[in-house]
Amino acid sequence: MFHFIDDEPSSKEECKKLIRKAFVLSSSSKNKDSLNKTDFKCAWLYLFGYKISKYELQEYFEKLGKDYYKDVISYGEFETKAIADIKRLDVVEELRSCFISVDFSCKGFLTIEDLTKQFQIVAPHIPKNTIMDTFRELDRDDDGRVSYKDFELAMQYIDDRIIEQRNKELEEKYVFLKDTSKFFYS
């Protein structure tokens, strides 16, 4: 699998080369400039190692205002979808890696002991009751275990909250700048 490394231009170019190669190899059109639904599935398989579902592909065609059974996808449209999914997979892989690093005994779930050990290594100043509260928040079904799915949901929720907060801060900053600009241009 390939990844964008810190938005590094060379890694993006490598990804785009692979996307282009998948597109050209899979295209059944004479000029290699479009993909029908079957071609798209082949290109997707080449890039990601799995066949895109019919429903996801139909949804993408609809999003583009195209007929799933008759129309074709251009290279630009294919590239846009592929890059978006690569970025999404990078986040999921990073979360999985983080979960595995905390799962010391490789059980496939986290216990309070795992979380306590991790906090002792990373942030020993955090009180034990805060760690317990955090674990209870992560353990949705109160079985004393935090599954990967629980962990992923919590991390994505935190991520969304951070993004919302940053957007709010930017909006407030923009309003402030907009208000002060009246003094300079009036």
C-alpha atoms as a PDB file:
ATOM      1  CA  MET A   1       0.000   0.000   0.000  1.00  0.00           C
ATOM      2  CA  PHE A   2       1.130   3.545  -0.571  1.00  0.00           C
ATOM      3  CA  HIS A   3       0.707   6.605   1.594  1.00  0.00           C
ATOM      4  CA  PHE A   4       1.065  10.338   1.534  1.00  0.00           C
ATOM      5  CA  ILE A   5       3.932  11.103   3.866  1.00  0.00           C
ATOM      6  CA  ASP A   6       3.301  14.471   5.530  1.00  0.00           C
ATOM      7  CA  ASP A   7       1.903  15.841   2.271  1.00  0.00           C
ATOM      8  CA  GLU A   8       5.361  15.403   0.771  1.00  0.00           C
ATOM      9  CA  PRO A   9       5.215  16.250  -2.972  1.00  0.00           C
ATOM     10  CA  SER A  10       7.358  13.253  -3.974  1.00  0.00           C
ATOM     11  CA  SER A  11       5.059  10.788  -2.182  1.00  0.00           C
ATOM     12  CA  LYS A  12       2.006  12.402  -3.814  1.00  0.00           C
ATOM     13  CA  GLU A  13       3.654  12.091  -7.209  1.00  0.00           C
ATOM     14  CA  GLU A  14       4.409   8.405  -6.601  1.00  0.00           C
ATOM     15  CA  CYS A  15       0.769   7.834  -5.685  1.00  0.00           C
ATOM     16  CA  LYS A  16      -0.406   9.680  -8.772  1.00  0.00           C
ATOM     17  CA  LYS A  17       1.881   7.537 -10.951  1.00  0.00           C
ATOM     18  CA  LEU A  18       0.362   4.369  -9.466  1.00  0.00           C
ATOM     19  CA  ILE A  19      -3.147   5.741  -9.929  1.00  0.00           C
ATOM     20  CA  ARG A  20      -2.368   6.593 -13.562  1.00  0.00           C
ATOM     21  CA  LYS A  21      -0.891   3.131 -14.162  1.00  0.00           C
ATOM     22  CA  ALA A  22      -3.975   1.419 -12.678  1.00  0.00           C
ATOM     23  CA  PHE A  23      -6.209   3.621 -14.817  1.00  0.00           C
ATOM     24  CA  VAL A  24      -4.376   2.923 -18.094  1.00  0.00           C
ATOM     25  CA  LEU A  25      -3.959  -0.809 -17.459  1.00  0.00           C
ATOM     26  CA  SER A  26      -7.658  -1.201 -16.642  1.00  0.00           C
ATOM     27  CA  SER A  27      -9.164   1.006 -19.332  1.00  0.00           C
ATOM     28  CA  SER A  28     -10.851  -0.884 -22.141  1.00  0.00           C
ATOM     29  CA  SER A  29     -11.446   2.287 -24.182  1.00  0.00           C
ATOM     30  CA  LYS A  30      -9.458   2.731 -27.380  1.00  0.00           C
ATOM     31  CA  ASN A  31      -7.671   5.888 -26.185  1.00  0.00           C
ATOM     32  CA  LYS A  32      -7.273   4.697 -22.564  1.00  0.00           C
ATOM     33  CA  ASP A  33      -9.058   7.874 -21.435  1.00  0.00           C
ATOM     34  CA  SER A  34     -12.039   6.502 -19.504  1.00  0.00           C
ATOM     35  CA  LEU A  35     -13.262   3.654 -17.328  1.00  0.00           C
ATOM     36  CA  ASN A  36     -16.608   1.934 -17.460  1.00  0.00           C
ATOM     37  CA  LYS A  37     -17.930   0.316 -14.277  1.00  0.00           C
ATOM     38  CA  THR A  38     -16.059  -2.962 -14.888  1.00  0.00           C
ATOM     39  CA  ASP A  39     -12.819  -1.147 -15.735  1.00  0.00           C
ATOM     40  CA  PHE A  40     -13.219   0.945 -12.586  1.00  0.00           C
ATOM     41  CA  LYS A  41     -13.513  -2.206 -10.454  1.00  0.00           C
ATOM     42  CA  CYS A  42     -10.346  -3.635 -12.037  1.00  0.00           C
ATOM     43  CA  ALA A  43      -8.404  -0.416 -11.480  1.00  0.00           C
ATOM     44  CA  TRP A  44      -9.608  -0.303  -7.880  1.00  0.00           C
ATOM     45  CA  LEU A  45      -8.511  -3.889  -7.331  1.00  0.00           C
ATOM     46  CA  TYR A  46      -5.097  -3.063  -8.768  1.00  0.00           C
ATOM     47  CA  LEU A  47      -4.688  -0.042  -6.477  1.00  0.00           C
ATOM     48  CA  PHE A  48      -6.221  -1.181  -3.192  1.00  0.00           C
ATOM     49  CA  GLY A  49      -6.204  -4.967  -3.353  1.00  0.00           C
ATOM     50  CA  TYR A  50      -9.973  -5.311  -3.043  1.00  0.00           C
ATOM     51  CA  LYS A  51     -12.931  -4.958  -5.379  1.00  0.00           C
ATOM     52  CA  ILE A  52     -14.996  -1.837  -4.765  1.00  0.00           C
ATOM     53  CA  SER A  53     -18.590  -2.693  -3.922  1.00  0.00           C
ATOM     54  CA  LYS A  54     -21.313  -2.176  -6.498  1.00  0.00           C
ATOM     55  CA  TYR A  55     -23.158   0.119  -4.083  1.00  0.00           C
ATOM     56  CA  GLU A  56     -20.158   2.339  -3.395  1.00  0.00           C
ATOM     57  CA  LEU A  57     -19.455   2.608  -7.112  1.00  0.00           C
ATOM     58  CA  GLN A  58     -23.104   3.371  -7.930  1.00  0.00           C
ATOM     59  CA  GLU A  59     -23.073   6.046  -5.236  1.00  0.00           C
ATOM     60  CA  TYR A  60     -19.953   7.605  -6.750  1.00  0.00           C
ATOM     61  CA  PHE A  61     -21.484   7.616 -10.240  1.00  0.00           C
ATOM     62  CA  GLU A  62     -24.617   9.273  -8.838  1.00  0.00           C
ATOM     63  CA  LYS A  63     -22.512  11.859  -7.014  1.00  0.00           C
ATOM     64  CA  LEU A  64     -20.961  12.759 -10.365  1.00  0.00           C
ATOM     65  CA  GLY A  65     -24.411  12.877 -12.013  1.00  0.00           C
ATOM     66  CA  LYS A  66     -23.644   9.872 -14.213  1.00  0.00           C
ATOM     67  CA  ASP A  67     -25.589   6.762 -15.147  1.00  0.00           C
ATOM     68  CA  TYR A  68     -23.925   3.709 -13.604  1.00  0.00           C
ATOM     69  CA  TYR A  69     -24.944   1.440 -16.495  1.00  0.00           C
ATOM     70  CA  LYS A  70     -24.088   3.702 -19.453  1.00  0.00           C
ATOM     71  CA  ASP A  71     -21.560   6.407 -18.547  1.00  0.00           C
ATOM     72  CA  VAL A  72     -17.812   6.280 -18.047  1.00  0.00           C
ATOM     73  CA  ILE A  73     -15.406   7.923 -15.589  1.00  0.00           C
ATOM     74  CA  SER A  74     -12.566  10.182 -16.704  1.00  0.00           C
ATOM     75  CA  TYR A  75      -9.050   9.984 -15.317  1.00  0.00           C
ATOM     76  CA  GLY A  76      -9.579  13.125 -13.217  1.00  0.00           C
ATOM     77  CA  GLU A  77     -12.711  11.685 -11.619  1.00  0.00           C
ATOM     78  CA  PHE A  78     -10.951   8.392 -10.900  1.00  0.00           C
ATOM     79  CA  GLU A  79      -7.916  10.160  -9.448  1.00  0.00           C
ATOM     80  CA  THR A  80     -10.085  12.309  -7.160  1.00  0.00           C
ATOM     81  CA  LYS A  81     -11.835   9.234  -5.720  1.00  0.00           C
ATOM     82  CA  ALA A  82      -8.574   7.276  -5.357  1.00  0.00           C
ATOM     83  CA  ILE A  83      -6.738  10.094  -3.552  1.00  0.00           C
ATOM     84  CA  ALA A  84      -9.650  10.648  -1.163  1.00  0.00           C
ATOM     85  CA  ASP A  85      -9.689   6.945  -0.276  1.00  0.00           C
ATOM     86  CA  ILE A  86      -5.901   6.819   0.146  1.00  0.00           C
ATOM     87  CA  LYS A  87      -6.089   9.685   2.637  1.00  0.00           C
ATOM     88  CA  ARG A  88      -8.926   7.970   4.490  1.00  0.00           C
ATOM     89  CA  LEU A  89      -6.976   4.694   4.651  1.00  0.00           C
ATOM     90  CA  ASP A  90      -3.931   6.518   6.020  1.00  0.00           C
ATOM     91  CA  VAL A  91      -5.973   7.723   8.995  1.00  0.00           C
ATOM     92  CA  VAL A  92      -7.417   4.251   9.634  1.00  0.00           C
ATOM     93  CA  GLU A  93      -3.966   2.668   9.418  1.00  0.00           C
ATOM     94  CA  GLU A  94      -2.555   5.236  11.836  1.00  0.00           C
ATOM     95  CA  LEU A  95      -5.333   4.464  14.326  1.00  0.00           C
ATOM     96  CA  ARG A  96      -4.727   0.724  13.960  1.00  0.00           C
ATOM     97  CA  SER A  97      -1.014   1.220  14.563  1.00  0.00           C
ATOM     98  CA  CYS A  98      -1.738   3.296  17.666  1.00  0.00           C
ATOM     99  CA  PHE A  99      -4.109   0.624  19.016  1.00  0.00           C
ATOM    100  CA  ILE A 100      -1.548  -2.129  18.450  1.00  0.00           C
ATOM    101  CA  SER A 101       1.135  -0.136  20.260  1.00  0.00           C
ATOM    102  CA  VAL A 102      -1.073   0.043  23.377  1.00  0.00           C
ATOM    103  CA  ASP A 103      -2.171  -3.613  23.157  1.00  0.00           C
ATOM    104  CA  PHE A 104       0.987  -4.927  24.875  1.00  0.00           C
ATOM    105  CA  SER A 105      -0.101  -8.553  25.036  1.00  0.00           C
ATOM    106  CA  CYS A 106      -1.589  -8.654  21.497  1.00  0.00           C
ATOM    107  CA  LYS A 107      -5.035  -9.787  22.675  1.00  0.00           C
ATOM    108  CA  GLY A 108      -6.958  -7.704  20.178  1.00  0.00           C
ATOM    109  CA  PHE A 109      -8.505  -5.576  22.910  1.00  0.00           C
ATOM    110  CA  LEU A 110      -7.278  -3.205  25.610  1.00  0.00           C
ATOM    111  CA  THR A 111      -7.642  -3.695  29.343  1.00  0.00           C
ATOM    112  CA  ILE A 112      -7.339  -1.135  32.113  1.00  0.00           C
ATOM    113  CA  GLU A 113      -3.861  -2.558  32.799  1.00  0.00           C
ATOM    114  CA  ASP A 114      -2.786  -1.890  29.195  1.00  0.00           C
ATOM    115  CA  LEU A 115      -4.010   1.687  29.392  1.00  0.00           C
ATOM    116  CA  THR A 116      -2.367   2.231  32.784  1.00  0.00           C
ATOM    117  CA  LYS A 117       0.989   0.921  31.486  1.00  0.00           C
ATOM    118  CA  GLN A 118       0.762   3.197  28.460  1.00  0.00           C
ATOM    119  CA  PHE A 119      -0.004   6.251  30.583  1.00  0.00           C
ATOM    120  CA  GLN A 120       2.894   5.395  32.939  1.00  0.00           C
ATOM    121  CA  ILE A 121       5.231   5.435  29.936  1.00  0.00           C
ATOM    122  CA  VAL A 122       3.840   8.435  28.068  1.00  0.00           C
ATOM    123  CA  ALA A 123       2.328  10.644  30.780  1.00  0.00           C
ATOM    124  CA  PRO A 124       3.217   9.446  34.294  1.00  0.00           C
ATOM    125  CA  HIS A 125       1.816  12.629  35.874  1.00  0.00           C
ATOM    126  CA  ILE A 126      -1.786  11.757  34.928  1.00  0.00           C
ATOM    127  CA  PRO A 127      -3.739  10.631  38.013  1.00  0.00           C
ATOM    128  CA  LYS A 128      -5.026   7.041  38.198  1.00  0.00           C
ATOM    129  CA  ASN A 129      -8.672   8.187  38.495  1.00  0.00           C
ATOM    130  CA  THR A 130      -8.350  10.102  35.186  1.00  0.00           C
ATOM    131  CA  ILE A 131      -7.054   6.929  33.531  1.00  0.00           C
ATOM    132  CA  MET A 132      -9.981   4.963  34.991  1.00  0.00           C
ATOM    133  CA  ASP A 133     -12.468   7.575  33.739  1.00  0.00           C
ATOM    134  CA  THR A 134     -10.880   7.472  30.289  1.00  0.00           C
ATOM    135  CA  PHE A 135     -11.110   3.690  30.186  1.00  0.00           C
ATOM    136  CA  ARG A 136     -14.768   3.738  31.239  1.00  0.00           C
ATOM    137  CA  GLU A 137     -15.481   6.243  28.486  1.00  0.00           C
ATOM    138  CA  LEU A 138     -13.810   3.996  25.895  1.00  0.00           C
ATOM    139  CA  ASP A 139     -15.407   0.766  27.162  1.00  0.00           C
ATOM    140  CA  ARG A 140     -18.895   1.269  25.691  1.00  0.00           C
ATOM    141  CA  ASP A 141     -20.322  -2.124  26.671  1.00  0.00           C
ATOM    142  CA  ASP A 142     -18.769  -2.261  30.186  1.00  0.00           C
ATOM    143  CA  ASP A 143     -17.108  -5.639  29.636  1.00  0.00           C
ATOM    144  CA  GLY A 144     -13.688  -4.516  30.900  1.00  0.00           C
ATOM    145  CA  ARG A 145     -12.303  -4.517  27.364  1.00  0.00           C
ATOM    146  CA  VAL A 146     -11.855  -1.845  24.731  1.00  0.00           C
ATOM    147  CA  SER A 147     -12.124  -3.367  21.278  1.00  0.00           C
ATOM    148  CA  TYR A 148     -10.491  -1.807  18.252  1.00  0.00           C
ATOM    149  CA  LYS A 149     -13.923  -0.610  17.106  1.00  0.00           C
ATOM    150  CA  ASP A 150     -14.511   1.170  20.447  1.00  0.00           C
ATOM    151  CA  PHE A 151     -11.058   2.725  20.198  1.00  0.00           C
ATOM    152  CA  GLU A 152     -11.596   3.827  16.591  1.00  0.00           C
ATOM    153  CA  LEU A 153     -14.969   5.395  17.366  1.00  0.00           C
ATOM    154  CA  ALA A 154     -13.522   7.335  20.301  1.00  0.00           C
ATOM    155  CA  MET A 155     -10.526   8.578  18.314  1.00  0.00           C
ATOM    156  CA  GLN A 156     -12.675   9.663  15.376  1.00  0.00           C
ATOM    157  CA  TYR A 157     -15.037  11.456  17.755  1.00  0.00           C
ATOM    158  CA  ILE A 158     -12.099  13.273  19.343  1.00  0.00           C
ATOM    159  CA  ASP A 159     -10.746  14.120  15.896  1.00  0.00           C
ATOM    160  CA  ASP A 160     -14.122  15.560  14.837  1.00  0.00           C
ATOM    161  CA  ARG A 161     -14.321  17.617  18.041  1.00  0.00           C
ATOM    162  CA  ILE A 162     -10.830  19.053  17.449  1.00  0.00           C
ATOM    163  CA  ILE A 163     -11.730  19.962  13.869  1.00  0.00           C
ATOM    164  CA  GLU A 164     -14.972  21.622  15.006  1.00  0.00           C
ATOM    165  CA  GLN A 165     -13.053  23.618  17.636  1.00  0.00           C
ATOM    166  CA  ARG A 166     -10.440  24.749  15.101  1.00  0.00           C
ATOM    167  CA  ASN A 167     -13.163  25.812  12.668  1.00  0.00           C
ATOM    168  CA  LYS A 168     -14.882  27.781  15.416  1.00  0.00           C
ATOM    169  CA  GLU A 169     -11.599  29.502  16.329  1.00  0.00           C
ATOM    170  CA  LEU A 170     -10.971  30.387  12.676  1.00  0.00           C
ATOM    171  CA  GLU A 171     -14.478  31.792  12.314  1.00  0.00           C
ATOM    172  CA  GLU A 172     -14.002  33.924  15.432  1.00  0.00           C
ATOM    173  CA  LYS A 173     -10.628  35.125  14.139  1.00  0.00           C
ATOM    174  CA  TYR A 174     -12.155  35.922  10.757  1.00  0.00           C
ATOM    175  CA  VAL A 175     -14.994  37.908  12.378  1.00  0.00           C
ATOM    176  CA  PHE A 176     -12.421  39.824  14.431  1.00  0.00           C
ATOM    177  CA  LEU A 177     -10.344  40.615  11.321  1.00  0.00           C
ATOM    178  CA  LYS A 178     -13.479  41.546   9.398  1.00  0.00           C
ATOM    179  CA  ASP A 179     -14.546  43.923  12.183  1.00  0.00           C
ATOM    180  CA  THR A 180     -11.124  45.594  12.402  1.00  0.00           C
ATOM    181  CA  SER A 181     -10.901  46.028   8.631  1.00  0.00           C
ATOM    182  CA  LYS A 182     -13.757  48.558   8.849  1.00  0.00           C
ATOM    183  CA  PHE A 183     -11.389  50.960  10.597  1.00  0.00           C
ATOM    184  CA  PHE A 184      -8.784  50.742   7.849  1.00  0.00           C
ATOM    185  CA  TYR A 185     -11.076  51.015   4.843  1.00  0.00           C
ATOM    186  CA  SER A 186     -13.647  53.545   6.045  1.00  0.00           C
END
